[in-house]
Amino acid sequence: MRRKLFWGFLLIMAISLAVVGCEQQNQVKPEDSATGQDETVAALAEGEETSSDPNIVFNLDKKEVTVLAEVNGKYFTEPTRHGVVYAGGSNGDKSVLRGLGDEKVFYETMVSVGFEPSNTLTMEDMSKGVKVEGAALDVYVTWDGQEEIPFSGIIKASEERPMDVRFGGNIENAKEYNTGCILCLDSCAVGITSNAAYETGASADINFYGNSDVLPADGTKVKVIFRARE
């Protein structure tokens, strides 16, 4: 009888150890967990709220929307017409700043804050030298240890003009073409915002670059802040 109890006890112990070992095998170790997820803009400041995309926050009182992005050092030396493009869009790697927030959520957040899009540019206008319309915006960039600077300060152009960012809207084109464009450096019928200082098609003759004398190193996280123009 004692021998049966003894072997029974050993069998129970063996089963218990096997179960524990299996559970430990199935547990995800910290170093094996998924990495590379977009980090949020930051701990929310007073008055800030998070949109449906954690990389886009807004402040109703200040009437501003902030998008997390990262520096794309490729365009320190290569020209582009894209200021900020969502990394998940087809133009995601074609901008001075690679946006980490979805451009469609950005549009929705801009509207919810109270900005009025124009939605007047058409794809046919892209070759006609037309300037984008819509709510006038002041756009700033900041990063760790850096006070806000105007977006124009991080851009160099072969023909300099005072920046005039407008909330063009263009949400239907944004959905159709899925480029990810948040801020284009010349007027655009797809970008959610774009620069009315340059007409559509201007980038065919004018080169835009990221300003390496101002921007931090490639891959550095930055915040892009869109405010109602004062």
Foldseek 3Di string as FASTA:
>chain_A
DVVVVVVVVVVVVVVVVVVVVVVVVPDQDPVRDDDDQDDAPDPDDPQKDAFPWRQWIAHLVQLKIKGKWFAQQVQQPAFAQAAEFACPFPCQNGHRTRTPDFQLSVLVVNVVSPWWADLPDDPVQLPVFAFAAGFWKFKWKDAVPGDTDTSVVFKDKPDDDPWTKHQNQLNVLCVVRRRRGAEGDGHDNHHRMYTRRGTRPRCVPMTMGTNPVPDDDGGGMMMMMIGRDD
